N, C-alpha and C. Protein backbone atom coordinates (compact mmCIF):
# COMPACT_ATOMS: atom_id res chain seq x y z
N MET A 1 100.44 92.96 75.94
CA MET A 1 101.52 93.45 76.30
C MET A 1 101.44 94.82 76.34
N PRO A 2 101.04 95.36 77.80
CA PRO A 2 100.92 96.72 77.52
C PRO A 2 101.94 97.58 77.68
N PHE A 3 101.42 98.59 76.92
CA PHE A 3 102.78 99.86 76.81
C PHE A 3 102.34 100.86 77.58
N ILE A 4 102.98 101.16 78.38
CA ILE A 4 102.50 102.84 79.41
C ILE A 4 103.89 103.67 78.93
N LYS A 5 102.90 104.80 78.70
CA LYS A 5 103.64 106.10 78.22
C LYS A 5 103.02 107.43 79.27
N ILE A 6 104.03 107.48 80.01
CA ILE A 6 104.01 108.55 80.99
C ILE A 6 104.83 110.14 80.59
N SER A 7 103.73 110.96 81.10
CA SER A 7 103.93 112.47 80.22
C SER A 7 104.00 113.22 81.40
N THR A 8 105.03 114.09 81.83
CA THR A 8 105.11 114.88 82.74
C THR A 8 106.16 116.23 82.27
N LEU A 9 105.74 117.30 83.09
CA LEU A 9 106.83 118.45 82.41
C LEU A 9 108.24 117.63 83.21
N PRO A 10 109.38 118.60 82.59
CA PRO A 10 110.73 118.36 83.14
C PRO A 10 110.95 118.24 84.29
N ASN A 11 111.61 117.32 84.75
CA ASN A 11 111.73 117.26 86.40
C ASN A 11 112.92 116.60 86.78
N LYS A 12 113.55 116.42 88.15
CA LYS A 12 114.62 115.43 88.28
C LYS A 12 114.38 114.31 89.04
N LEU A 13 113.08 113.82 88.83
CA LEU A 13 112.91 112.43 89.73
C LEU A 13 113.62 111.15 88.99
N LYS A 14 113.89 109.88 89.77
CA LYS A 14 114.25 108.86 89.31
C LYS A 14 113.55 108.16 88.30
N LYS A 15 113.37 108.74 87.08
CA LYS A 15 112.22 108.19 86.43
C LYS A 15 112.48 106.73 86.00
N ALA A 16 113.49 106.22 85.87
CA ALA A 16 113.82 104.84 85.65
C ALA A 16 113.53 103.96 86.94
N LYS A 17 113.57 104.34 88.00
CA LYS A 17 113.14 103.82 89.26
C LYS A 17 111.84 103.66 89.46
N ILE A 18 111.08 104.73 89.33
CA ILE A 18 109.75 105.16 89.09
C ILE A 18 109.40 103.77 88.25
N MET A 19 109.54 103.92 87.02
CA MET A 19 108.93 102.65 86.25
C MET A 19 109.14 101.29 86.46
N LYS A 20 110.54 100.86 86.94
CA LYS A 20 110.45 99.88 87.42
C LYS A 20 109.71 99.64 88.53
N ASN A 21 109.55 100.38 89.55
CA ASN A 21 108.49 99.88 90.52
C ASN A 21 106.87 99.61 89.78
N VAL A 22 106.48 100.53 88.98
CA VAL A 22 105.37 100.04 88.53
C VAL A 22 105.27 98.81 87.63
N GLU A 23 106.33 98.42 87.05
CA GLU A 23 106.62 97.08 86.32
C GLU A 23 106.40 95.73 87.46
N LYS A 24 107.13 96.21 88.50
CA LYS A 24 107.16 95.14 89.64
C LYS A 24 105.91 95.05 90.17
N ALA A 25 105.22 96.04 90.39
CA ALA A 25 103.90 96.16 91.05
C ALA A 25 102.82 95.15 90.20
N LEU A 26 102.91 95.74 88.88
CA LEU A 26 102.15 94.93 87.64
C LEU A 26 102.68 93.42 87.69
N TYR A 27 103.63 93.18 87.99
CA TYR A 27 104.13 91.67 87.82
C TYR A 27 103.74 90.74 88.89
N SER A 28 103.54 91.22 90.08
CA SER A 28 103.39 90.61 91.10
C SER A 28 101.89 90.71 91.59
N CYS A 29 100.86 91.37 90.82
CA CYS A 29 99.68 91.53 91.06
C CYS A 29 98.87 90.11 90.80
N GLU A 30 98.21 89.95 91.30
CA GLU A 30 97.28 88.34 91.03
C GLU A 30 95.50 88.66 91.01
N ILE A 31 95.18 88.38 90.32
CA ILE A 31 93.33 88.31 90.02
C ILE A 31 92.81 86.76 90.44
N GLU A 32 92.15 86.96 91.26
CA GLU A 32 91.58 85.41 91.22
C GLU A 32 92.58 84.29 91.57
N GLY A 33 94.09 84.48 92.18
CA GLY A 33 94.73 83.72 92.14
C GLY A 33 95.68 83.44 90.74
N LYS A 34 95.65 84.27 89.85
CA LYS A 34 96.12 84.20 88.69
C LYS A 34 96.98 85.59 88.56
N LYS A 35 98.53 85.37 88.20
CA LYS A 35 99.14 86.20 87.61
C LYS A 35 98.39 87.36 86.85
N LEU A 36 98.39 88.87 86.78
CA LEU A 36 98.07 89.61 85.80
C LEU A 36 98.90 89.35 84.68
N MET A 37 99.84 89.49 84.45
CA MET A 37 100.65 89.18 83.38
C MET A 37 101.99 88.64 83.89
N PRO A 38 102.58 88.15 82.98
CA PRO A 38 104.15 87.23 83.12
C PRO A 38 105.11 88.70 83.13
N ASP A 39 106.16 88.43 84.05
CA ASP A 39 107.34 89.31 84.05
C ASP A 39 108.04 89.63 82.58
N ASN A 40 108.30 90.95 82.59
CA ASN A 40 109.20 91.36 81.88
C ASN A 40 107.71 91.55 80.05
N MET A 41 106.56 91.99 80.32
CA MET A 41 105.68 91.67 79.66
C MET A 41 105.51 93.23 79.42
N ALA A 42 105.31 94.47 80.38
CA ALA A 42 105.01 95.73 80.22
C ALA A 42 106.26 96.35 79.93
N THR A 43 105.89 97.42 79.04
CA THR A 43 106.95 98.34 78.64
C THR A 43 106.61 99.65 79.12
N CYS A 44 107.30 100.55 79.78
CA CYS A 44 107.22 101.73 80.34
C CYS A 44 107.91 102.74 79.52
N MET A 45 107.38 103.88 79.32
CA MET A 45 108.35 104.96 79.01
C MET A 45 108.13 106.43 79.53
N TRP A 46 109.02 107.23 79.85
CA TRP A 46 108.53 108.43 80.09
C TRP A 46 109.23 109.46 79.33
N GLN A 47 108.31 110.48 78.98
CA GLN A 47 108.54 111.92 78.00
C GLN A 47 108.12 112.84 78.81
N THR A 48 109.16 113.67 78.84
CA THR A 48 108.63 115.20 79.47
C THR A 48 108.10 116.46 78.67
N GLN A 49 107.12 117.08 78.84
CA GLN A 49 106.94 118.05 78.08
C GLN A 49 107.45 119.35 78.45
N ASP A 50 107.50 120.34 77.19
CA ASP A 50 108.35 121.91 77.65
C ASP A 50 107.27 122.27 78.33
N CYS A 51 106.05 122.12 78.14
CA CYS A 51 104.99 123.33 78.84
C CYS A 51 103.80 122.53 78.48
N VAL A 52 102.90 122.60 79.95
CA VAL A 52 101.66 122.13 79.78
C VAL A 52 100.71 123.07 80.41
N VAL A 53 100.05 123.49 79.53
CA VAL A 53 98.74 124.74 80.18
C VAL A 53 97.86 123.78 80.65
N HIS A 54 97.16 124.04 81.71
CA HIS A 54 96.31 123.48 82.32
C HIS A 54 95.59 124.25 83.42
N LYS A 55 94.06 124.25 83.57
CA LYS A 55 93.57 125.12 84.51
C LYS A 55 93.35 124.88 86.26
N LEU A 56 94.21 123.83 86.48
CA LEU A 56 94.62 123.60 87.70
C LEU A 56 95.34 124.61 88.59
N LYS A 57 95.19 125.23 89.58
CA LYS A 57 95.56 126.00 90.30
C LYS A 57 97.22 125.68 90.30
N GLY A 58 97.97 126.70 89.80
CA GLY A 58 99.31 126.72 89.46
C GLY A 58 100.33 126.82 90.67
N TYR A 59 101.64 126.60 90.66
CA TYR A 59 102.51 126.91 91.50
C TYR A 59 103.21 128.24 91.32
N LYS A 60 103.51 128.77 92.46
CA LYS A 60 104.26 130.01 92.67
C LYS A 60 105.49 130.26 92.20
N LYS A 61 106.23 128.85 92.35
CA LYS A 61 107.21 128.70 91.83
C LYS A 61 107.69 127.12 91.18
N PHE A 62 108.49 127.07 90.13
CA PHE A 62 108.73 125.82 89.92
C PHE A 62 109.72 125.04 90.29
N ASN A 63 109.45 123.90 90.93
CA ASN A 63 110.54 123.05 91.92
C ASN A 63 110.85 121.66 90.82
N PRO A 64 111.98 121.91 90.20
CA PRO A 64 112.35 120.55 89.24
C PRO A 64 112.88 119.51 90.05
N LYS A 65 112.52 119.35 91.21
CA LYS A 65 112.43 117.93 92.29
C LYS A 65 111.24 117.52 92.06
N LEU A 66 110.46 118.10 91.73
CA LEU A 66 108.84 117.40 91.97
C LEU A 66 108.14 117.65 90.55
N VAL A 67 107.30 116.91 90.43
CA VAL A 67 106.51 116.80 89.49
C VAL A 67 105.57 117.75 89.45
N GLU A 68 105.41 119.04 88.50
CA GLU A 68 104.03 119.91 88.48
C GLU A 68 102.90 119.19 87.97
N ILE A 69 101.73 119.09 88.56
CA ILE A 69 100.64 118.15 88.19
C ILE A 69 99.92 118.97 86.51
N PRO A 70 99.47 118.13 85.90
CA PRO A 70 99.00 116.85 86.12
C PRO A 70 100.21 115.72 85.54
N VAL A 71 99.79 114.59 85.70
CA VAL A 71 100.64 113.50 84.93
C VAL A 71 99.56 112.78 84.40
N PHE A 72 99.84 112.80 82.62
CA PHE A 72 99.32 112.04 81.86
C PHE A 72 100.01 110.65 81.48
N VAL A 73 98.93 109.61 81.45
CA VAL A 73 99.57 108.63 81.04
C VAL A 73 98.69 107.71 79.99
N ASP A 74 99.38 107.04 78.76
CA ASP A 74 98.56 106.44 77.85
C ASP A 74 98.71 105.04 78.04
N LEU A 75 97.94 104.32 78.12
CA LEU A 75 97.89 102.85 78.30
C LEU A 75 97.37 102.42 77.14
N TYR A 76 98.49 101.63 76.59
CA TYR A 76 98.21 100.98 75.40
C TYR A 76 97.91 99.45 75.69
N ALA A 77 96.72 98.85 75.62
CA ALA A 77 96.44 97.44 76.25
C ALA A 77 95.89 96.46 75.18
N ASN A 78 96.41 95.57 74.92
CA ASN A 78 96.17 94.68 74.01
C ASN A 78 94.66 93.69 74.26
N THR A 79 94.22 93.51 73.47
CA THR A 79 92.82 92.97 73.51
C THR A 79 92.78 91.77 74.40
N MET A 80 93.86 90.85 74.96
CA MET A 80 93.84 90.02 75.67
C MET A 80 93.44 89.87 76.71
N PHE A 81 93.40 91.46 77.29
CA PHE A 81 93.10 91.66 78.74
C PHE A 81 91.66 92.01 78.89
N LYS A 82 91.08 91.73 79.62
CA LYS A 82 89.67 91.83 80.51
C LYS A 82 89.51 93.02 80.76
N THR A 83 88.44 93.54 80.70
CA THR A 83 88.06 94.97 81.32
C THR A 83 88.62 95.02 82.66
N GLU A 84 88.08 94.18 83.87
CA GLU A 84 88.51 94.15 84.74
C GLU A 84 90.27 94.13 85.20
N GLU A 85 90.91 93.64 84.15
CA GLU A 85 92.35 93.51 83.94
C GLU A 85 92.72 94.90 83.95
N VAL A 86 92.33 95.38 82.73
CA VAL A 86 92.69 96.92 82.38
C VAL A 86 92.38 97.85 83.55
N ALA A 87 91.17 97.62 84.40
CA ALA A 87 90.93 98.49 85.37
C ALA A 87 91.99 98.67 86.59
N LYS A 88 92.82 97.28 86.74
CA LYS A 88 93.38 96.85 87.87
C LYS A 88 95.01 97.60 87.12
N ILE A 89 95.01 97.33 86.24
CA ILE A 89 96.75 97.84 85.42
C ILE A 89 96.66 99.30 85.71
N MET A 90 95.18 99.91 85.67
CA MET A 90 95.37 101.46 85.73
C MET A 90 95.39 102.03 87.11
N GLU A 91 94.71 100.94 88.08
CA GLU A 91 94.75 101.45 89.41
C GLU A 91 96.21 101.33 89.93
N ILE A 92 96.96 100.42 89.58
CA ILE A 92 98.43 100.27 89.88
C ILE A 92 99.10 101.04 89.27
N VAL A 93 99.24 101.54 88.19
CA VAL A 93 99.91 102.45 87.43
C VAL A 93 99.83 104.26 88.20
N ALA A 94 98.63 104.10 88.58
CA ALA A 94 98.25 105.32 89.05
C ALA A 94 98.52 105.52 90.50
N SER A 95 98.93 104.39 91.62
CA SER A 95 99.25 104.17 92.72
C SER A 95 100.42 104.31 92.74
N GLU A 96 101.37 103.62 91.91
CA GLU A 96 102.78 103.42 91.75
C GLU A 96 103.58 104.96 91.35
N LEU A 97 102.53 105.79 90.48
CA LEU A 97 103.06 106.97 90.12
C LEU A 97 102.91 108.02 91.01
N SER A 98 101.77 107.83 91.90
CA SER A 98 101.72 108.54 93.09
C SER A 98 102.60 108.64 94.15
N LYS A 99 103.22 107.56 94.54
CA LYS A 99 104.00 107.22 95.36
C LYS A 99 105.43 107.52 94.97
N GLY A 100 105.73 107.60 93.69
CA GLY A 100 107.23 108.13 93.22
C GLY A 100 107.09 109.49 92.84
N THR A 101 106.16 109.95 92.40
CA THR A 101 106.29 111.47 92.32
C THR A 101 105.57 112.42 93.20
N GLY A 102 105.05 112.16 94.06
CA GLY A 102 104.15 112.77 95.33
C GLY A 102 102.91 113.31 94.79
N VAL A 103 103.01 113.09 93.55
CA VAL A 103 101.30 113.93 92.75
C VAL A 103 100.09 112.92 93.39
N ASP A 104 99.17 113.57 93.89
CA ASP A 104 97.98 112.92 94.38
C ASP A 104 97.13 112.27 93.28
N HIS A 105 96.48 111.06 93.41
CA HIS A 105 95.70 110.34 92.33
C HIS A 105 95.11 111.05 91.61
N ASN A 106 94.21 112.37 92.21
CA ASN A 106 93.30 113.12 91.19
C ASN A 106 93.84 113.57 90.43
N TYR A 107 95.28 114.27 90.45
CA TYR A 107 96.07 114.80 89.17
C TYR A 107 96.72 113.84 88.07
N ILE A 108 96.61 112.50 88.55
CA ILE A 108 97.00 111.60 87.43
C ILE A 108 95.89 111.20 86.35
N PHE A 109 95.97 111.33 85.04
CA PHE A 109 95.02 111.15 84.21
C PHE A 109 95.76 110.13 83.08
N ILE A 110 94.96 108.90 83.20
CA ILE A 110 95.13 107.60 82.21
C ILE A 110 94.17 107.48 81.33
N GLN A 111 94.96 107.50 79.94
CA GLN A 111 93.62 107.30 78.88
C GLN A 111 94.04 105.64 78.55
N THR A 112 93.26 105.17 78.34
CA THR A 112 93.62 103.69 77.64
C THR A 112 93.06 103.42 76.32
N HIS A 113 93.94 102.85 75.53
CA HIS A 113 93.52 102.79 74.14
C HIS A 113 93.91 101.39 73.88
N VAL A 114 92.78 100.69 73.39
CA VAL A 114 92.65 99.14 73.24
C VAL A 114 92.40 98.97 71.69
N GLY A 115 93.47 98.58 70.92
CA GLY A 115 93.35 98.31 69.78
C GLY A 115 92.30 97.24 69.13
N LYS A 116 91.59 97.56 68.09
CA LYS A 116 90.68 96.34 67.63
C LYS A 116 90.78 96.41 66.47
N SER A 117 90.39 95.23 65.62
CA SER A 117 90.14 95.08 64.21
C SER A 117 89.91 96.01 63.34
N GLY A 118 91.08 96.05 62.54
CA GLY A 118 90.55 97.38 61.73
C GLY A 118 91.05 98.94 61.60
N TYR A 119 91.82 98.86 63.19
CA TYR A 119 92.19 100.02 63.67
C TYR A 119 93.63 100.04 64.11
N VAL A 120 94.36 99.10 63.83
CA VAL A 120 95.77 98.91 64.14
C VAL A 120 96.51 98.58 62.67
N PHE A 121 97.47 99.39 62.69
CA PHE A 121 98.70 99.14 61.79
C PHE A 121 99.55 98.66 62.36
N ILE A 122 100.22 97.44 61.85
CA ILE A 122 101.43 96.48 62.43
C ILE A 122 101.85 95.88 61.43
N ASN A 123 103.32 95.30 61.63
CA ASN A 123 103.86 94.73 60.12
C ASN A 123 103.41 95.02 59.04
N GLY A 124 103.23 96.05 58.92
CA GLY A 124 103.05 96.84 57.42
C GLY A 124 101.88 96.86 57.04
N GLU A 125 100.69 96.51 57.66
CA GLU A 125 99.77 96.18 57.49
C GLU A 125 98.50 96.65 58.05
N VAL A 126 97.34 96.78 57.81
CA VAL A 126 96.20 96.86 58.82
C VAL A 126 95.75 95.85 59.35
N TRP A 127 95.65 95.54 60.70
CA TRP A 127 95.39 94.31 61.42
C TRP A 127 93.92 93.89 61.28
N ILE A 128 93.51 92.65 60.82
CA ILE A 128 91.95 92.23 60.95
C ILE A 128 91.83 91.46 61.21
N ASP A 129 91.06 91.04 62.58
CA ASP A 129 90.96 90.04 63.30
C ASP A 129 90.15 89.15 62.53
N ASP A 130 90.35 87.94 62.02
CA ASP A 130 89.30 86.92 61.25
C ASP A 130 88.13 86.63 62.04
N ASN A 131 87.98 86.91 63.24
CA ASN A 131 87.13 86.60 63.92
C ASN A 131 86.21 87.40 64.49
N THR A 132 86.00 88.46 63.94
CA THR A 132 85.32 89.50 64.02
C THR A 132 84.75 90.02 62.70
N GLU A 133 83.30 90.84 62.75
CA GLU A 133 82.71 91.10 61.53
C GLU A 133 83.44 92.20 60.68
N GLU A 134 82.94 92.28 59.66
CA GLU A 134 83.53 93.66 58.83
C GLU A 134 83.18 94.92 59.47
N ILE A 135 83.98 95.72 59.38
CA ILE A 135 83.86 96.94 60.19
C ILE A 135 82.76 97.76 59.11
N ASP A 136 81.70 98.23 60.08
CA ASP A 136 80.87 99.32 59.48
C ASP A 136 81.25 100.97 59.94
N SER A 137 81.81 101.39 59.02
CA SER A 137 82.26 102.65 59.14
C SER A 137 81.09 103.63 59.66
N SER A 138 79.66 103.66 59.35
CA SER A 138 78.62 104.18 59.80
C SER A 138 78.40 104.14 61.42
N SER A 139 78.88 102.81 61.67
CA SER A 139 78.65 102.70 63.45
C SER A 139 79.81 102.55 64.14
N ALA A 140 80.89 102.64 63.58
CA ALA A 140 81.92 102.86 64.14
C ALA A 140 82.33 103.71 65.16
N GLU A 141 82.84 102.95 66.72
CA GLU A 141 83.04 103.93 67.64
C GLU A 141 84.26 104.61 67.36
N ASN A 142 84.25 105.93 68.02
CA ASN A 142 85.37 106.60 67.81
C ASN A 142 86.30 106.75 69.21
């Protein structure tokens, strides 16, 4: 189940509608004739930041009806998704956010987080996949 956390400066966009459009696009996507994911599998959340300092050209006047650039997205993807499926999810999220916010794709940044054995705390414990080797902290990827 992917969890999609969108972060922007405060705005007056119809965030719930934009998130529903993201979900609809994800649920209608097929890869090689197979649905990308079942309906109601994705969770979207939108949080606003009081301030974002960036090195992009700033606006002369803040327009609360628009999203000021950039848009940050954290995508938490389950290990059940293949690399090409995660890539497709990112493309869909970027496309729908660009349509819904008016922000160019170039200013939408998506970081994917994929949990792996020994790196996820859930249900009161660290999840260890019995099908993976023990974690060697000296060679662990960060």
